[in-house]
Structure formats: C-alpha cells, structure tokens
Amino acid sequence: MWFGLGIVMYAVVHPVAQVGWTLWTIHWSTVIGLAALGGIYAWGARYLVARARLAGTEPPVLRRGQQVAFFSGLLVIFLSLNGPLHDLSDTYLFSAHMVQHLVLALAVPPLLLVGTPGWMLRPFLANAKIGAIARAITKPTRCFIIFNVVISLWHLPPMYNTAMAYHPIHIVQHLTLLVASVLMWWPFLSPLPELPRLSYPGQMLYCFLMVIPMSIVAIYIAMADHVLYPAYSIAPRVWDITPLSDQQIGGLIMWIPGGLLFYVVMSVVFFKWAGRDTDTTAGAQVDWRPPRPTQPVSRP
C-alpha cells in the first residue's frame, strides 16, 4: 500500500522536465559532491608532495595525463547525473536510465582509477582496519561478487521501483553502483602493487565470466512480458515508445553494449599479453648468443 502511494506521489510531485539538448537541469547535490571529490584529489596531491619534500625524499609526481583522466571521470559523472540524460532517465525512459547506469559502471571507474596514482592511496593502507578491509574487498572473486550482486539487486522490481519513488534511495543506488563498479575494474587497473591486478590470463577469464551475470539480468528485463517498473508506465511518452518497448530496449542495451565491452577489454588484454610474450621471446633470441671475442685468438 505504502509503496503504491509512493509511486502515485512520485508521479504527482516530481517535476516534469522539458527534455532538450539546450535545456539543462542541474542538481546541486551532484555539483557539491563532485567539487568536494575534486578538491580532495587536488589537496591530497599537494599535501603528499609537500610532506615528501619536508622529509627530504623525492616528491611523487602527478602526471598531467592522470589529472586529465580523473577530472574527465568527474565530468562524465556530471553529464550523466544532470541535463538531458538525467531528465530522460528519471522522468521518461527506462532505456535512458540503463544508458546512465552503464556510463556510471563502465566509463567512469576506469577514468578514476587511471587518474589516481598509487602513492595517493597508499597512506590509507597504513591504517590497519582500512588496510584489512581493502585487502578483503579487492580480491578478484569478491570484486566479481560485489559488483554483480549490486547490479542484480538494484534491477529487481521492488528495489528499482523504491529508488524511483524516493530520491534519497535513488542517490544511494547511484553511489553503491559507482563503488561496486570501481571494485569491478580493480583487477584490471589497480594502481597499488600491494593490492595487485590479476595476471593477463586471469583478466581474460574474469572478463568472460563477467558477461554471464549481466546477461542473465538483461535477458530477464528484455524478455519480460509485462512492465516491471511502473514509474515508467505513468510517465509521459517520448518518441511514441511504449513502456514495454522501452523496457525491452533497456534490457538489450544492458545485454549487447554492456557485454561487448567486456569482449573488447578481453581482446585488449590478450594483445597486451601476446606483446609481452613477444618482447620476452625476442630478448631471449638475442641474449643466448655468446659474445664475439674482441682479440684475435692465438694458435699454438
């Protein structure tokens, strides 16, 4: 009863945004959060460099490419949670919401991880409790489980519909999705040798297995014969897409582009692995020969 009342209140109270590429709705909670995260990143880098100089050790270097990657990740979050994509996701189309979730899960975390050097994270590991938690949750099997459990739970109709009805829960949905996605990418892009990446064969197996749970969730959504998420049934129609067709498109977006990305990553990992083996083999072919004598050998 209360859940149904929440859905009705959502439909009545939630403002209907005019979707357009030139009309931007900005949610200041995301702006404040992203500004805080960017400020902590910049302050942390300056603090650790200054501390190293005071200690008389060589200061670490934050490369420009890392800064570009990190702040690009923050920009992608802003573009996902504000403006037309956000308006379509929250008010009109489940398929747009699926695009938003894939961007947050598959595009943002690699940028954040590539942009964060290990020396910025290492001081946290000095704390015994934080270090123990980090070592526990960054194990590949646990990264795999955490990500897929979070994805599966949030796409169950009761959980998803509750998030659509109550904005604070929707915020929790996005935050947990981001955290779980960073963990999912950790075995590929870990910046810390203390919390190491998987080997290349392990990364390829990890990619292959990652496709399976997402495909099951996507097939469940795409093949449903009724609307699973009623918030979109009462939403105004966009481009004459029916609620059931919208849901099927969303399931296909999760299934095909989401699955293909892991095959692309698997291919990249394979070529990196093959390239490393080629370099090792080439070095072995050169190094086995004995050095040529520099002086003529005298004969008795």
C-alpha atoms as a PDB file:
ATOM      1  CA  MET A   1       0.000   0.000   0.000  1.00  0.00           C
ATOM      2  CA  TRP A   2       2.661   2.482   1.041  1.00  0.00           C
ATOM      3  CA  PHE A   3       4.795   1.591  -1.959  1.00  0.00           C
ATOM      4  CA  GLY A   4       1.854   2.232  -4.320  1.00  0.00           C
ATOM      5  CA  LEU A   5       1.180   5.549  -2.585  1.00  0.00           C
ATOM      6  CA  GLY A   6       4.851   6.457  -3.072  1.00  0.00           C
ATOM      7  CA  ILE A   7       4.585   5.766  -6.815  1.00  0.00           C
ATOM      8  CA  VAL A   8       1.491   7.989  -7.081  1.00  0.00           C
ATOM      9  CA  MET A   9       3.176  10.788  -5.117  1.00  0.00           C
ATOM     10  CA  TYR A  10       6.233  10.475  -7.371  1.00  0.00           C
ATOM     11  CA  ALA A  11       4.024  10.952 -10.423  1.00  0.00           C
ATOM     12  CA  VAL A  12       2.243  13.966  -8.916  1.00  0.00           C
ATOM     13  CA  VAL A  13       5.072  15.745  -7.116  1.00  0.00           C
ATOM     14  CA  HIS A  14       8.084  15.026  -9.325  1.00  0.00           C
ATOM     15  CA  PRO A  15       8.580  17.936 -11.760  1.00  0.00           C
ATOM     16  CA  VAL A  16       8.200  17.071 -15.413  1.00  0.00           C
ATOM     17  CA  ALA A  17      11.306  18.407 -17.106  1.00  0.00           C
ATOM     18  CA  GLN A  18      11.279  19.647 -20.671  1.00  0.00           C
ATOM     19  CA  VAL A  19      13.838  17.415 -22.302  1.00  0.00           C
ATOM     20  CA  GLY A  20      16.132  19.120 -24.769  1.00  0.00           C
ATOM     21  CA  TRP A  21      19.815  19.344 -25.501  1.00  0.00           C
ATOM     22  CA  THR A  22      19.795  23.082 -24.744  1.00  0.00           C
ATOM     23  CA  LEU A  23      17.694  22.861 -21.550  1.00  0.00           C
ATOM     24  CA  TRP A  24      19.808  21.736 -18.617  1.00  0.00           C
ATOM     25  CA  THR A  25      18.553  20.839 -15.172  1.00  0.00           C
ATOM     26  CA  ILE A  26      21.364  20.890 -12.633  1.00  0.00           C
ATOM     27  CA  HIS A  27      21.196  19.009  -9.350  1.00  0.00           C
ATOM     28  CA  TRP A  28      23.386  20.872  -6.904  1.00  0.00           C
ATOM     29  CA  SER A  29      23.930  17.838  -4.701  1.00  0.00           C
ATOM     30  CA  THR A  30      25.958  16.261  -7.521  1.00  0.00           C
ATOM     31  CA  VAL A  31      27.827  19.524  -8.160  1.00  0.00           C
ATOM     32  CA  ILE A  32      28.772  19.853  -4.490  1.00  0.00           C
ATOM     33  CA  GLY A  33      29.793  16.195  -4.257  1.00  0.00           C
ATOM     34  CA  LEU A  34      31.936  16.328  -7.398  1.00  0.00           C
ATOM     35  CA  ALA A  35      33.545  19.625  -6.354  1.00  0.00           C
ATOM     36  CA  ALA A  36      34.400  18.095  -2.969  1.00  0.00           C
ATOM     37  CA  LEU A  37      35.897  14.995  -4.597  1.00  0.00           C
ATOM     38  CA  GLY A  38      37.962  17.091  -6.997  1.00  0.00           C
ATOM     39  CA  GLY A  39      39.111  19.343  -4.157  1.00  0.00           C
ATOM     40  CA  ILE A  40      40.201  16.371  -2.031  1.00  0.00           C
ATOM     41  CA  TYR A  41      42.125  14.968  -5.019  1.00  0.00           C
ATOM     42  CA  ALA A  42      43.981  18.240  -5.647  1.00  0.00           C
ATOM     43  CA  TRP A  43      44.619  18.927  -1.957  1.00  0.00           C
ATOM     44  CA  GLY A  44      45.802  15.360  -1.326  1.00  0.00           C
ATOM     45  CA  ALA A  45      48.313  15.547  -4.164  1.00  0.00           C
ATOM     46  CA  ARG A  46      49.765  18.856  -2.931  1.00  0.00           C
ATOM     47  CA  TYR A  47      49.866  17.644   0.673  1.00  0.00           C
ATOM     48  CA  LEU A  48      51.739  14.430  -0.114  1.00  0.00           C
ATOM     49  CA  VAL A  49      54.234  16.256  -2.350  1.00  0.00           C
ATOM     50  CA  ALA A  50      54.870  18.851   0.377  1.00  0.00           C
ATOM     51  CA  ARG A  51      55.267  16.122   3.015  1.00  0.00           C
ATOM     52  CA  ALA A  52      57.828  14.295   0.885  1.00  0.00           C
ATOM     53  CA  ARG A  53      59.847  17.493   0.434  1.00  0.00           C
ATOM     54  CA  LEU A  54      59.812  18.205   4.179  1.00  0.00           C
ATOM     55  CA  ALA A  55      61.016  14.642   4.805  1.00  0.00           C
ATOM     56  CA  GLY A  56      63.863  15.148   2.347  1.00  0.00           C
ATOM     57  CA  THR A  57      62.676  12.411  -0.004  1.00  0.00           C
ATOM     58  CA  GLU A  58      61.949  12.653  -3.688  1.00  0.00           C
ATOM     59  CA  PRO A  59      58.415  14.008  -4.116  1.00  0.00           C
ATOM     60  CA  PRO A  60      55.960  11.922  -6.122  1.00  0.00           C
ATOM     61  CA  VAL A  61      54.793  13.195  -9.498  1.00  0.00           C
ATOM     62  CA  LEU A  62      51.169  13.583 -10.519  1.00  0.00           C
ATOM     63  CA  ARG A  63      51.289  13.371 -14.296  1.00  0.00           C
ATOM     64  CA  ARG A  64      49.105  15.591 -16.445  1.00  0.00           C
ATOM     65  CA  GLY A  65      47.562  12.546 -18.105  1.00  0.00           C
ATOM     66  CA  GLN A  66      46.433  11.269 -14.699  1.00  0.00           C
ATOM     67  CA  GLN A  67      44.855  14.610 -13.850  1.00  0.00           C
ATOM     68  CA  VAL A  68      43.053  14.707 -17.200  1.00  0.00           C
ATOM     69  CA  ALA A  69      41.728  11.167 -16.672  1.00  0.00           C
ATOM     70  CA  PHE A  70      40.471  11.833 -13.143  1.00  0.00           C
ATOM     71  CA  PHE A  71      38.726  15.106 -13.895  1.00  0.00           C
ATOM     72  CA  SER A  72      37.311  13.609 -17.105  1.00  0.00           C
ATOM     73  CA  GLY A  73      35.722  10.950 -14.895  1.00  0.00           C
ATOM     74  CA  LEU A  74      34.165  13.667 -12.732  1.00  0.00           C
ATOM     75  CA  LEU A  75      32.904  15.434 -15.870  1.00  0.00           C
ATOM     76  CA  VAL A  76      31.293  12.230 -17.151  1.00  0.00           C
ATOM     77  CA  ILE A  77      29.538  11.790 -13.786  1.00  0.00           C
ATOM     78  CA  PHE A  78      28.242  15.367 -14.026  1.00  0.00           C
ATOM     79  CA  LEU A  79      26.963  14.835 -17.575  1.00  0.00           C
ATOM     80  CA  SER A  80      25.288  11.583 -16.536  1.00  0.00           C
ATOM     81  CA  LEU A  81      23.508  12.936 -13.470  1.00  0.00           C
ATOM     82  CA  ASN A  82      22.467  16.320 -14.879  1.00  0.00           C
ATOM     83  CA  GLY A  83      20.922  17.582 -18.084  1.00  0.00           C
ATOM     84  CA  PRO A  84      19.015  15.658 -20.772  1.00  0.00           C
ATOM     85  CA  LEU A  85      20.212  12.153 -19.925  1.00  0.00           C
ATOM     86  CA  HIS A  86      19.236  12.580 -16.297  1.00  0.00           C
ATOM     87  CA  ASP A  87      15.845  14.077 -17.221  1.00  0.00           C
ATOM     88  CA  LEU A  88      15.066  11.223 -19.608  1.00  0.00           C
ATOM     89  CA  SER A  89      16.244   8.669 -17.040  1.00  0.00           C
ATOM     90  CA  ASP A  90      14.303   9.974 -14.069  1.00  0.00           C
ATOM     91  CA  THR A  91      11.093  11.053 -15.752  1.00  0.00           C
ATOM     92  CA  TYR A  92      10.525   9.346 -19.087  1.00  0.00           C
ATOM     93  CA  LEU A  93      12.548   6.325 -20.271  1.00  0.00           C
ATOM     94  CA  PHE A  94      13.869   3.196 -18.594  1.00  0.00           C
ATOM     95  CA  SER A  95      16.219   2.716 -21.567  1.00  0.00           C
ATOM     96  CA  ALA A  96      17.819   6.117 -20.871  1.00  0.00           C
ATOM     97  CA  HIS A  97      18.256   5.077 -17.243  1.00  0.00           C
ATOM     98  CA  MET A  98      20.035   1.945 -18.426  1.00  0.00           C
ATOM     99  CA  VAL A  99      22.396   4.068 -20.538  1.00  0.00           C
ATOM    100  CA  GLN A 100      23.058   6.199 -17.466  1.00  0.00           C
ATOM    101  CA  HIS A 101      23.843   3.122 -15.353  1.00  0.00           C
ATOM    102  CA  LEU A 102      26.206   1.697 -17.975  1.00  0.00           C
ATOM    103  CA  VAL A 103      28.065   5.008 -18.203  1.00  0.00           C
ATOM    104  CA  LEU A 104      28.452   5.128 -14.417  1.00  0.00           C
ATOM    105  CA  ALA A 105      29.547   1.480 -14.253  1.00  0.00           C
ATOM    106  CA  LEU A 106      31.707   1.054 -17.350  1.00  0.00           C
ATOM    107  CA  ALA A 107      33.057   4.503 -18.315  1.00  0.00           C
ATOM    108  CA  VAL A 108      33.589   6.428 -15.079  1.00  0.00           C
ATOM    109  CA  PRO A 109      35.575   3.935 -12.907  1.00  0.00           C
ATOM    110  CA  PRO A 110      38.405   3.328 -15.441  1.00  0.00           C
ATOM    111  CA  LEU A 111      38.948   7.089 -15.702  1.00  0.00           C
ATOM    112  CA  LEU A 112      39.049   7.497 -11.924  1.00  0.00           C
ATOM    113  CA  LEU A 113      41.421   4.556 -11.434  1.00  0.00           C
ATOM    114  CA  VAL A 114      43.780   5.581 -14.240  1.00  0.00           C
ATOM    115  CA  GLY A 115      43.794   9.111 -12.820  1.00  0.00           C
ATOM    116  CA  THR A 116      44.638   8.091  -9.246  1.00  0.00           C
ATOM    117  CA  PRO A 117      48.289   7.133  -8.678  1.00  0.00           C
ATOM    118  CA  GLY A 118      49.087   4.510  -6.092  1.00  0.00           C
ATOM    119  CA  TRP A 119      51.036   6.920  -3.870  1.00  0.00           C
ATOM    120  CA  MET A 120      47.836   8.888  -3.237  1.00  0.00           C
ATOM    121  CA  LEU A 121      46.077   5.791  -1.898  1.00  0.00           C
ATOM    122  CA  ARG A 122      48.982   4.152  -0.053  1.00  0.00           C
ATOM    123  CA  PRO A 123      48.729   6.280   3.143  1.00  0.00           C
ATOM    124  CA  PHE A 124      45.237   4.865   3.755  1.00  0.00           C
ATOM    125  CA  LEU A 125      46.661   1.345   3.871  1.00  0.00           C
ATOM    126  CA  ALA A 126      48.796   2.356   6.845  1.00  0.00           C
ATOM    127  CA  ASN A 127      45.642   2.205   8.943  1.00  0.00           C
ATOM    128  CA  ALA A 128      45.292  -1.432   9.998  1.00  0.00           C
ATOM    129  CA  LYS A 129      41.489  -1.569   9.703  1.00  0.00           C
ATOM    130  CA  ILE A 130      41.332   0.219   6.357  1.00  0.00           C
ATOM    131  CA  GLY A 131      44.187  -1.922   5.022  1.00  0.00           C
ATOM    132  CA  ALA A 132      42.451  -5.135   6.091  1.00  0.00           C
ATOM    133  CA  ILE A 133      39.144  -4.066   4.515  1.00  0.00           C
ATOM    134  CA  ALA A 134      40.897  -3.000   1.301  1.00  0.00           C
ATOM    135  CA  ARG A 135      42.739  -6.319   1.004  1.00  0.00           C
ATOM    136  CA  ALA A 136      39.496  -8.211   1.637  1.00  0.00           C
ATOM    137  CA  ILE A 137      37.237  -6.424  -0.866  1.00  0.00           C
ATOM    138  CA  THR A 138      39.766  -6.068  -3.710  1.00  0.00           C
ATOM    139  CA  LYS A 139      40.280  -9.792  -4.155  1.00  0.00           C
ATOM    140  CA  PRO A 140      39.068 -10.588  -7.704  1.00  0.00           C
ATOM    141  CA  THR A 141      36.429 -13.101  -6.624  1.00  0.00           C
ATOM    142  CA  ARG A 142      34.945 -10.611  -4.168  1.00  0.00           C
ATOM    143  CA  CYS A 143      35.078  -7.771  -6.706  1.00  0.00           C
ATOM    144  CA  PHE A 144      33.143 -10.019  -9.077  1.00  0.00           C
ATOM    145  CA  ILE A 145      30.549 -10.956  -6.460  1.00  0.00           C
ATOM    146  CA  ILE A 146      30.051  -7.442  -5.072  1.00  0.00           C
ATOM    147  CA  PHE A 147      29.508  -5.871  -8.495  1.00  0.00           C
ATOM    148  CA  ASN A 148      27.082  -8.490  -9.752  1.00  0.00           C
ATOM    149  CA  VAL A 149      25.111  -8.619  -6.513  1.00  0.00           C
ATOM    150  CA  VAL A 150      24.714  -4.814  -6.564  1.00  0.00           C
ATOM    151  CA  ILE A 151      23.664  -4.792 -10.234  1.00  0.00           C
ATOM    152  CA  SER A 152      21.210  -7.642  -9.729  1.00  0.00           C
ATOM    153  CA  LEU A 153      19.623  -6.296  -6.557  1.00  0.00           C
ATOM    154  CA  TRP A 154      19.051  -2.787  -7.897  1.00  0.00           C
ATOM    155  CA  HIS A 155      17.323  -4.125 -11.010  1.00  0.00           C
ATOM    156  CA  LEU A 156      14.892  -6.279  -9.072  1.00  0.00           C
ATOM    157  CA  PRO A 157      11.498  -4.545  -9.419  1.00  0.00           C
ATOM    158  CA  PRO A 158      10.938  -3.872  -5.670  1.00  0.00           C
ATOM    159  CA  MET A 159      14.386  -2.278  -5.257  1.00  0.00           C
ATOM    160  CA  TYR A 160      14.315  -0.364  -8.531  1.00  0.00           C
ATOM    161  CA  ASN A 161      10.794   0.944  -8.031  1.00  0.00           C
ATOM    162  CA  THR A 162      11.610   2.078  -4.496  1.00  0.00           C
ATOM    163  CA  ALA A 163      14.618   4.006  -5.815  1.00  0.00           C
ATOM    164  CA  MET A 164      12.418   5.653  -8.432  1.00  0.00           C
ATOM    165  CA  ALA A 165       9.838   6.657  -5.819  1.00  0.00           C
ATOM    166  CA  TYR A 166      12.229   8.045  -3.189  1.00  0.00           C
ATOM    167  CA  HIS A 167      15.063  10.293  -4.308  1.00  0.00           C
ATOM    168  CA  PRO A 168      17.408   9.650  -1.329  1.00  0.00           C
ATOM    169  CA  ILE A 169      17.296   5.933  -2.133  1.00  0.00           C
ATOM    170  CA  HIS A 170      17.980   6.777  -5.775  1.00  0.00           C
ATOM    171  CA  ILE A 171      21.125   8.602  -4.653  1.00  0.00           C
ATOM    172  CA  VAL A 172      22.171   5.524  -2.642  1.00  0.00           C
ATOM    173  CA  GLN A 173      21.564   3.412  -5.759  1.00  0.00           C
ATOM    174  CA  HIS A 174      23.980   5.515  -7.818  1.00  0.00           C
ATOM    175  CA  LEU A 175      26.615   5.692  -5.074  1.00  0.00           C
ATOM    176  CA  THR A 176      26.624   1.936  -4.480  1.00  0.00           C
ATOM    177  CA  LEU A 177      26.748   1.342  -8.233  1.00  0.00           C
ATOM    178  CA  LEU A 178      29.820   3.594  -8.544  1.00  0.00           C
ATOM    179  CA  VAL A 179      31.628   1.963  -5.613  1.00  0.00           C
ATOM    180  CA  ALA A 180      30.861  -1.573  -6.830  1.00  0.00           C
ATOM    181  CA  SER A 181      31.984  -0.642 -10.350  1.00  0.00           C
ATOM    182  CA  VAL A 182      35.315   0.735  -9.107  1.00  0.00           C
ATOM    183  CA  LEU A 183      35.848  -2.608  -7.359  1.00  0.00           C
ATOM    184  CA  MET A 184      34.843  -4.474 -10.524  1.00  0.00           C
ATOM    185  CA  TRP A 185      37.560  -2.643 -12.502  1.00  0.00           C
ATOM    186  CA  TRP A 186      40.187  -3.038  -9.771  1.00  0.00           C
ATOM    187  CA  PRO A 187      41.642  -6.377 -11.022  1.00  0.00           C
ATOM    188  CA  PHE A 188      42.401  -4.642 -14.351  1.00  0.00           C
ATOM    189  CA  LEU A 189      43.593  -1.205 -13.225  1.00  0.00           C
ATOM    190  CA  SER A 190      44.807  -1.403  -9.636  1.00  0.00           C
ATOM    191  CA  PRO A 191      47.372   1.370  -9.054  1.00  0.00           C
ATOM    192  CA  LEU A 192      48.772  -0.380  -5.973  1.00  0.00           C
ATOM    193  CA  PRO A 193      51.126  -3.386  -6.079  1.00  0.00           C
ATOM    194  CA  GLU A 194      50.001  -4.095  -2.505  1.00  0.00           C
ATOM    195  CA  LEU A 195      46.519  -4.761  -3.927  1.00  0.00           C
ATOM    196  CA  PRO A 196      47.660  -6.286  -7.210  1.00  0.00           C
ATOM    197  CA  ARG A 197      45.997  -6.693 -10.569  1.00  0.00           C
ATOM    198  CA  LEU A 198      45.143 -10.095 -11.948  1.00  0.00           C
ATOM    199  CA  SER A 199      47.567 -11.753 -14.335  1.00  0.00           C
ATOM    200  CA  TYR A 200      46.698 -11.428 -18.023  1.00  0.00           C
ATOM    201  CA  PRO A 201      45.153 -14.927 -18.255  1.00  0.00           C
ATOM    202  CA  GLY A 202      43.207 -14.210 -15.073  1.00  0.00           C
ATOM    203  CA  GLN A 203      41.935 -10.917 -16.503  1.00  0.00           C
ATOM    204  CA  MET A 204      40.688 -12.671 -19.636  1.00  0.00           C
ATOM    205  CA  LEU A 205      38.830 -15.301 -17.598  1.00  0.00           C
ATOM    206  CA  TYR A 206      37.433 -12.547 -15.362  1.00  0.00           C
ATOM    207  CA  CYS A 207      36.095 -10.697 -18.448  1.00  0.00           C
ATOM    208  CA  PHE A 208      34.472 -13.830 -19.823  1.00  0.00           C
ATOM    209  CA  LEU A 209      32.758 -14.636 -16.525  1.00  0.00           C
ATOM    210  CA  MET A 210      31.642 -11.028 -16.032  1.00  0.00           C
ATOM    211  CA  VAL A 211      29.416 -11.244 -19.119  1.00  0.00           C
ATOM    212  CA  ILE A 212      27.294 -14.080 -17.698  1.00  0.00           C
ATOM    213  CA  PRO A 213      25.516 -12.440 -14.703  1.00  0.00           C
ATOM    214  CA  MET A 214      24.853  -9.198 -16.594  1.00  0.00           C
ATOM    215  CA  SER A 215      23.386 -11.185 -19.485  1.00  0.00           C
ATOM    216  CA  ILE A 216      21.035 -13.049 -17.132  1.00  0.00           C
ATOM    217  CA  VAL A 217      19.738  -9.773 -15.652  1.00  0.00           C
ATOM    218  CA  ALA A 218      19.437  -8.198 -19.117  1.00  0.00           C
ATOM    219  CA  ILE A 219      17.540 -11.184 -20.549  1.00  0.00           C
ATOM    220  CA  TYR A 220      15.177 -11.149 -17.561  1.00  0.00           C
ATOM    221  CA  ILE A 221      14.385  -7.477 -18.283  1.00  0.00           C
ATOM    222  CA  ALA A 222      14.232  -7.708 -22.075  1.00  0.00           C
ATOM    223  CA  MET A 223      12.102 -10.864 -22.205  1.00  0.00           C
ATOM    224  CA  ALA A 224       9.548  -9.898 -19.541  1.00  0.00           C
ATOM    225  CA  ASP A 225       6.006  -9.917 -20.926  1.00  0.00           C
ATOM    226  CA  HIS A 226       4.830  -7.093 -18.655  1.00  0.00           C
ATOM    227  CA  VAL A 227       6.195  -3.781 -17.382  1.00  0.00           C
ATOM    228  CA  LEU A 228       8.471  -4.400 -14.407  1.00  0.00           C
ATOM    229  CA  TYR A 229       8.913  -0.762 -13.407  1.00  0.00           C
ATOM    230  CA  PRO A 230       5.546   1.054 -13.133  1.00  0.00           C
ATOM    231  CA  ALA A 231       7.085   4.514 -12.733  1.00  0.00           C
ATOM    232  CA  TYR A 232       7.669   4.473 -16.489  1.00  0.00           C
ATOM    233  CA  SER A 233       4.126   3.295 -17.224  1.00  0.00           C
ATOM    234  CA  ILE A 234       2.671   6.522 -15.843  1.00  0.00           C
ATOM    235  CA  ALA A 235       5.382   8.723 -17.391  1.00  0.00           C
ATOM    236  CA  PRO A 236       4.627  10.890 -20.441  1.00  0.00           C
ATOM    237  CA  ARG A 237       5.510   9.150 -23.686  1.00  0.00           C
ATOM    238  CA  VAL A 238       8.654  10.183 -25.548  1.00  0.00           C
ATOM    239  CA  TRP A 239       9.026   9.431 -29.271  1.00  0.00           C
ATOM    240  CA  ASP A 240       5.894   7.224 -29.076  1.00  0.00           C
ATOM    241  CA  ILE A 241       7.847   4.449 -27.323  1.00  0.00           C
ATOM    242  CA  THR A 242       5.516   2.238 -25.294  1.00  0.00           C
ATOM    243  CA  PRO A 243       6.545   1.322 -21.731  1.00  0.00           C
ATOM    244  CA  LEU A 244       7.085  -2.344 -22.651  1.00  0.00           C
ATOM    245  CA  SER A 245       9.146  -1.481 -25.753  1.00  0.00           C
ATOM    246  CA  ASP A 246      11.169   0.962 -23.667  1.00  0.00           C
ATOM    247  CA  GLN A 247      11.868  -1.793 -21.144  1.00  0.00           C
ATOM    248  CA  GLN A 248      12.905  -4.228 -23.884  1.00  0.00           C
ATOM    249  CA  ILE A 249      15.262  -1.639 -25.381  1.00  0.00           C
ATOM    250  CA  GLY A 250      16.782  -1.057 -21.951  1.00  0.00           C
ATOM    251  CA  GLY A 251      17.377  -4.783 -21.481  1.00  0.00           C
ATOM    252  CA  LEU A 252      19.028  -5.011 -24.900  1.00  0.00           C
ATOM    253  CA  ILE A 253      21.257  -2.020 -24.092  1.00  0.00           C
ATOM    254  CA  MET A 254      22.465  -3.780 -20.953  1.00  0.00           C
ATOM    255  CA  TRP A 255      22.861  -7.085 -22.779  1.00  0.00           C
ATOM    256  CA  ILE A 256      24.611  -6.126 -26.032  1.00  0.00           C
ATOM    257  CA  PRO A 257      26.754  -2.986 -25.489  1.00  0.00           C
ATOM    258  CA  GLY A 258      27.384  -3.976 -21.862  1.00  0.00           C
ATOM    259  CA  GLY A 259      28.523  -7.464 -22.856  1.00  0.00           C
ATOM    260  CA  LEU A 260      30.503  -6.345 -25.899  1.00  0.00           C
ATOM    261  CA  LEU A 261      32.615  -4.002 -23.798  1.00  0.00           C
ATOM    262  CA  PHE A 262      33.985  -6.929 -21.812  1.00  0.00           C
ATOM    263  CA  TYR A 263      34.906  -8.729 -25.028  1.00  0.00           C
ATOM    264  CA  VAL A 264      36.729  -5.584 -26.168  1.00  0.00           C
ATOM    265  CA  VAL A 265      38.602  -5.464 -22.858  1.00  0.00           C
ATOM    266  CA  MET A 266      39.379  -9.170 -23.209  1.00  0.00           C
ATOM    267  CA  SER A 267      40.862  -8.528 -26.662  1.00  0.00           C
ATOM    268  CA  VAL A 268      42.985  -5.658 -25.377  1.00  0.00           C
ATOM    269  CA  VAL A 269      44.274  -7.819 -22.530  1.00  0.00           C
ATOM    270  CA  PHE A 270      45.087 -10.637 -24.972  1.00  0.00           C
ATOM    271  CA  PHE A 271      47.175  -8.373 -27.220  1.00  0.00           C
ATOM    272  CA  LYS A 272      48.988  -6.913 -24.205  1.00  0.00           C
ATOM    273  CA  TRP A 273      49.746 -10.440 -23.041  1.00  0.00           C
ATOM    274  CA  ALA A 274      50.888 -11.526 -26.503  1.00  0.00           C
ATOM    275  CA  GLY A 275      53.015  -8.388 -26.867  1.00  0.00           C
ATOM    276  CA  ARG A 276      54.732  -9.025 -23.566  1.00  0.00           C
ATOM    277  CA  ASP A 277      55.495 -12.618 -24.538  1.00  0.00           C
ATOM    278  CA  THR A 278      56.819 -11.466 -27.906  1.00  0.00           C
ATOM    279  CA  ASP A 279      59.159  -8.992 -26.233  1.00  0.00           C
ATOM    280  CA  THR A 280      60.388 -11.683 -23.853  1.00  0.00           C
ATOM    281  CA  THR A 281      60.930 -14.145 -26.692  1.00  0.00           C
ATOM    282  CA  ALA A 282      62.745 -11.573 -28.797  1.00  0.00           C
ATOM    283  CA  GLY A 283      65.040 -10.777 -25.905  1.00  0.00           C
ATOM    284  CA  ALA A 284      65.747 -14.455 -25.380  1.00  0.00           C
ATOM    285  CA  GLN A 285      66.648 -14.899 -29.045  1.00  0.00           C
ATOM    286  CA  VAL A 286      69.205 -12.114 -28.841  1.00  0.00           C
ATOM    287  CA  ASP A 287      70.700 -12.904 -25.467  1.00  0.00           C
ATOM    288  CA  TRP A 288      71.587 -16.574 -25.952  1.00  0.00           C
ATOM    289  CA  ARG A 289      74.494 -15.936 -28.321  1.00  0.00           C
ATOM    290  CA  PRO A 290      77.955 -15.813 -26.698  1.00  0.00           C
ATOM    291  CA  PRO A 291      79.850 -12.520 -27.141  1.00  0.00           C
ATOM    292  CA  ARG A 292      82.280 -12.371 -30.002  1.00  0.00           C
ATOM    293  CA  PRO A 293      85.937 -12.251 -28.974  1.00  0.00           C
ATOM    294  CA  THR A 294      87.434  -8.767 -29.236  1.00  0.00           C
ATOM    295  CA  GLN A 295      91.036 -10.039 -29.503  1.00  0.00           C
ATOM    296  CA  PRO A 296      92.305 -12.492 -32.083  1.00  0.00           C
ATOM    297  CA  VAL A 297      92.760 -15.948 -30.684  1.00  0.00           C
ATOM    298  CA  SER A 298      96.395 -17.056 -30.891  1.00  0.00           C
ATOM    299  CA  ARG A 299      97.041 -20.537 -32.098  1.00  0.00           C
ATOM    300  CA  PRO A 300      99.876 -22.647 -30.648  1.00  0.00           C
END
